[in-house]
Amino acid sequence: FTQHDNALNFNLVSQTSELLQCLCPAEADADMMDEEEADLYLMAINLLTEFMQGPCSRNQEALSMSGYIGTAMKILRADFRNLCREAGKDPYPPLVRRIKDGLMTGMV
């Protein structure tokens, strides 16, 4: 992950995956996620999806070894109780749908 013409190199794929793991280390954390956290999570998912567009085997390999799949599976199993409660009568709010859709798109 050498970034030419830069004094410092950053592995944005791994760092973004680590951010997701910190935001949601367990399924219960997704249940308590508020709208701001969900928006941040969705932005990170979309960024990782952009990194995977390709073919970009180096980024794909880095993501597959970063723990992203385990984190994604926790999120996919979550009920997002807090977001559903905030949405009122909608049992499956659009933000929850976008998160789960983004996770699946990033894994495909």
C-alpha atoms as a PDB file:
ATOM      1  CA  PHE A   1       0.000   0.000   0.000  1.00  0.00           C
ATOM      2  CA  THR A   2       2.726   2.394  -0.984  1.00  0.00           C
ATOM      3  CA  GLN A   3       1.417   5.818  -1.839  1.00  0.00           C
ATOM      4  CA  HIS A   4       3.997   7.475  -4.014  1.00  0.00           C
ATOM      5  CA  ASP A   5       4.801  11.145  -3.433  1.00  0.00           C
ATOM      6  CA  ASN A   6       3.598  10.943   0.192  1.00  0.00           C
ATOM      7  CA  ALA A   7       5.798  10.959   3.270  1.00  0.00           C
ATOM      8  CA  LEU A   8       3.363   8.649   5.098  1.00  0.00           C
ATOM      9  CA  ASN A   9       1.401   5.663   3.844  1.00  0.00           C
ATOM     10  CA  PHE A  10      -2.023   4.679   5.140  1.00  0.00           C
ATOM     11  CA  ASN A  11      -3.857   1.425   4.550  1.00  0.00           C
ATOM     12  CA  LEU A  12      -7.329   2.942   4.232  1.00  0.00           C
ATOM     13  CA  VAL A  13      -8.955  -0.421   3.592  1.00  0.00           C
ATOM     14  CA  SER A  14      -7.786  -1.868   6.913  1.00  0.00           C
ATOM     15  CA  GLN A  15      -8.342   1.358   8.826  1.00  0.00           C
ATOM     16  CA  THR A  16     -11.912   1.688   7.543  1.00  0.00           C
ATOM     17  CA  SER A  17     -12.599  -1.931   8.441  1.00  0.00           C
ATOM     18  CA  GLU A  18     -11.175  -1.327  11.924  1.00  0.00           C
ATOM     19  CA  LEU A  19     -13.483   1.678  12.301  1.00  0.00           C
ATOM     20  CA  LEU A  20     -16.486  -0.548  11.581  1.00  0.00           C
ATOM     21  CA  GLN A  21     -15.265  -3.100  14.108  1.00  0.00           C
ATOM     22  CA  CYS A  22     -14.900  -0.362  16.744  1.00  0.00           C
ATOM     23  CA  LEU A  23     -18.362   1.028  16.019  1.00  0.00           C
ATOM     24  CA  CYS A  24     -19.992  -2.345  16.322  1.00  0.00           C
ATOM     25  CA  PRO A  25     -17.931  -4.986  18.143  1.00  0.00           C
ATOM     26  CA  ALA A  26     -21.048  -7.059  18.894  1.00  0.00           C
ATOM     27  CA  GLU A  27     -24.556  -7.555  17.552  1.00  0.00           C
ATOM     28  CA  ALA A  28     -26.007  -5.808  20.617  1.00  0.00           C
ATOM     29  CA  ASP A  29     -24.123  -2.631  19.654  1.00  0.00           C
ATOM     30  CA  ALA A  30     -25.970  -2.532  16.336  1.00  0.00           C
ATOM     31  CA  ASP A  31     -29.257  -2.850  18.215  1.00  0.00           C
ATOM     32  CA  MET A  32     -28.390   0.313  20.164  1.00  0.00           C
ATOM     33  CA  MET A  33     -27.016   2.266  17.176  1.00  0.00           C
ATOM     34  CA  ASP A  34     -28.508   5.730  16.722  1.00  0.00           C
ATOM     35  CA  GLU A  35     -29.070   7.506  13.411  1.00  0.00           C
ATOM     36  CA  GLU A  36     -25.760   9.413  13.460  1.00  0.00           C
ATOM     37  CA  GLU A  37     -23.791   6.229  14.122  1.00  0.00           C
ATOM     38  CA  ALA A  38     -25.745   4.444  11.412  1.00  0.00           C
ATOM     39  CA  ASP A  39     -24.953   7.214   8.923  1.00  0.00           C
ATOM     40  CA  LEU A  40     -21.240   6.948   9.764  1.00  0.00           C
ATOM     41  CA  TYR A  41     -21.390   3.183   9.437  1.00  0.00           C
ATOM     42  CA  LEU A  42     -23.109   3.473   6.050  1.00  0.00           C
ATOM     43  CA  MET A  43     -20.452   5.921   4.799  1.00  0.00           C
ATOM     44  CA  ALA A  44     -17.708   3.487   5.816  1.00  0.00           C
ATOM     45  CA  ILE A  45     -19.501   0.587   4.102  1.00  0.00           C
ATOM     46  CA  ASN A  46     -19.851   2.628   0.917  1.00  0.00           C
ATOM     47  CA  LEU A  47     -16.166   3.592   1.046  1.00  0.00           C
ATOM     48  CA  LEU A  48     -15.141  -0.053   1.382  1.00  0.00           C
ATOM     49  CA  THR A  49     -17.393  -0.955  -1.529  1.00  0.00           C
ATOM     50  CA  GLU A  50     -15.613   1.669  -3.649  1.00  0.00           C
ATOM     51  CA  PHE A  51     -12.250   0.215  -2.623  1.00  0.00           C
ATOM     52  CA  MET A  52     -13.383  -3.226  -3.825  1.00  0.00           C
ATOM     53  CA  GLN A  53     -14.432  -2.084  -7.307  1.00  0.00           C
ATOM     54  CA  GLY A  54     -11.997  -3.363  -9.739  1.00  0.00           C
ATOM     55  CA  PRO A  55     -10.629  -5.751 -10.260  1.00  0.00           C
ATOM     56  CA  CYS A  56      -8.615  -4.697  -7.247  1.00  0.00           C
ATOM     57  CA  SER A  57      -7.335  -7.955  -5.811  1.00  0.00           C
ATOM     58  CA  ARG A  58      -4.985  -6.280  -3.345  1.00  0.00           C
ATOM     59  CA  ASN A  59      -7.785  -4.339  -1.668  1.00  0.00           C
ATOM     60  CA  GLN A  60     -10.082  -7.363  -1.802  1.00  0.00           C
ATOM     61  CA  GLU A  61      -7.475  -9.538  -0.108  1.00  0.00           C
ATOM     62  CA  ALA A  62      -6.779  -6.900   2.549  1.00  0.00           C
ATOM     63  CA  LEU A  63     -10.483  -6.578   3.341  1.00  0.00           C
ATOM     64  CA  SER A  64     -11.012 -10.330   3.492  1.00  0.00           C
ATOM     65  CA  MET A  65      -8.236 -10.612   6.095  1.00  0.00           C
ATOM     66  CA  SER A  66      -9.280  -7.573   8.129  1.00  0.00           C
ATOM     67  CA  GLY A  67     -12.186  -9.055  10.080  1.00  0.00           C
ATOM     68  CA  TYR A  68     -14.764  -7.242   7.950  1.00  0.00           C
ATOM     69  CA  ILE A  69     -16.741 -10.390   7.140  1.00  0.00           C
ATOM     70  CA  GLY A  70     -17.216 -11.247  10.823  1.00  0.00           C
ATOM     71  CA  THR A  71     -18.290  -7.696  11.598  1.00  0.00           C
ATOM     72  CA  ALA A  72     -20.667  -7.681   8.630  1.00  0.00           C
ATOM     73  CA  MET A  73     -22.267 -10.928   9.782  1.00  0.00           C
ATOM     74  CA  LYS A  74     -22.905  -9.453  13.252  1.00  0.00           C
ATOM     75  CA  ILE A  75     -24.574  -6.445  11.686  1.00  0.00           C
ATOM     76  CA  LEU A  76     -26.669  -8.533   9.304  1.00  0.00           C
ATOM     77  CA  ARG A  77     -28.032 -10.531  12.268  1.00  0.00           C
ATOM     78  CA  ALA A  78     -28.865  -7.403  14.266  1.00  0.00           C
ATOM     79  CA  ASP A  79     -32.425  -6.176  14.723  1.00  0.00           C
ATOM     80  CA  PHE A  80     -31.444  -2.476  14.980  1.00  0.00           C
ATOM     81  CA  ARG A  81     -33.990  -2.081  17.771  1.00  0.00           C
ATOM     82  CA  ASN A  82     -33.147   1.549  18.505  1.00  0.00           C
ATOM     83  CA  LEU A  83     -33.421   2.646  14.857  1.00  0.00           C
ATOM     84  CA  CYS A  84     -36.674   0.730  14.449  1.00  0.00           C
ATOM     85  CA  ARG A  85     -38.072   2.341  17.609  1.00  0.00           C
ATOM     86  CA  GLU A  86     -37.093   5.792  16.310  1.00  0.00           C
ATOM     87  CA  ALA A  87     -38.789   5.043  12.974  1.00  0.00           C
ATOM     88  CA  GLY A  88     -42.145   4.556  14.667  1.00  0.00           C
ATOM     89  CA  LYS A  89     -44.456   2.269  12.741  1.00  0.00           C
ATOM     90  CA  ASP A  90     -41.902   1.191  10.123  1.00  0.00           C
ATOM     91  CA  PRO A  91     -40.596  -2.224  11.281  1.00  0.00           C
ATOM     92  CA  TYR A  92     -37.732  -2.110   8.768  1.00  0.00           C
ATOM     93  CA  PRO A  93     -36.637   1.530   8.310  1.00  0.00           C
ATOM     94  CA  PRO A  94     -34.924   2.673   5.092  1.00  0.00           C
ATOM     95  CA  LEU A  95     -31.640   3.371   6.901  1.00  0.00           C
ATOM     96  CA  VAL A  96     -31.511  -0.223   8.169  1.00  0.00           C
ATOM     97  CA  ARG A  97     -32.245  -1.479   4.653  1.00  0.00           C
ATOM     98  CA  ARG A  98     -29.436   0.674   3.209  1.00  0.00           C
ATOM     99  CA  ILE A  99     -26.947  -0.629   5.800  1.00  0.00           C
ATOM    100  CA  LYS A 100     -27.800  -4.262   5.137  1.00  0.00           C
ATOM    101  CA  ASP A 101     -27.836  -3.715   1.383  1.00  0.00           C
ATOM    102  CA  GLY A 102     -24.438  -1.999   1.568  1.00  0.00           C
ATOM    103  CA  LEU A 103     -22.985  -4.866   3.581  1.00  0.00           C
ATOM    104  CA  MET A 104     -24.192  -7.434   1.075  1.00  0.00           C
ATOM    105  CA  THR A 105     -22.977  -5.385  -1.876  1.00  0.00           C
ATOM    106  CA  GLY A 106     -19.554  -5.073  -0.282  1.00  0.00           C
ATOM    107  CA  MET A 107     -19.294  -8.822   0.240  1.00  0.00           C
ATOM    108  CA  VAL A 108     -20.298  -9.782  -3.283  1.00  0.00           C
END
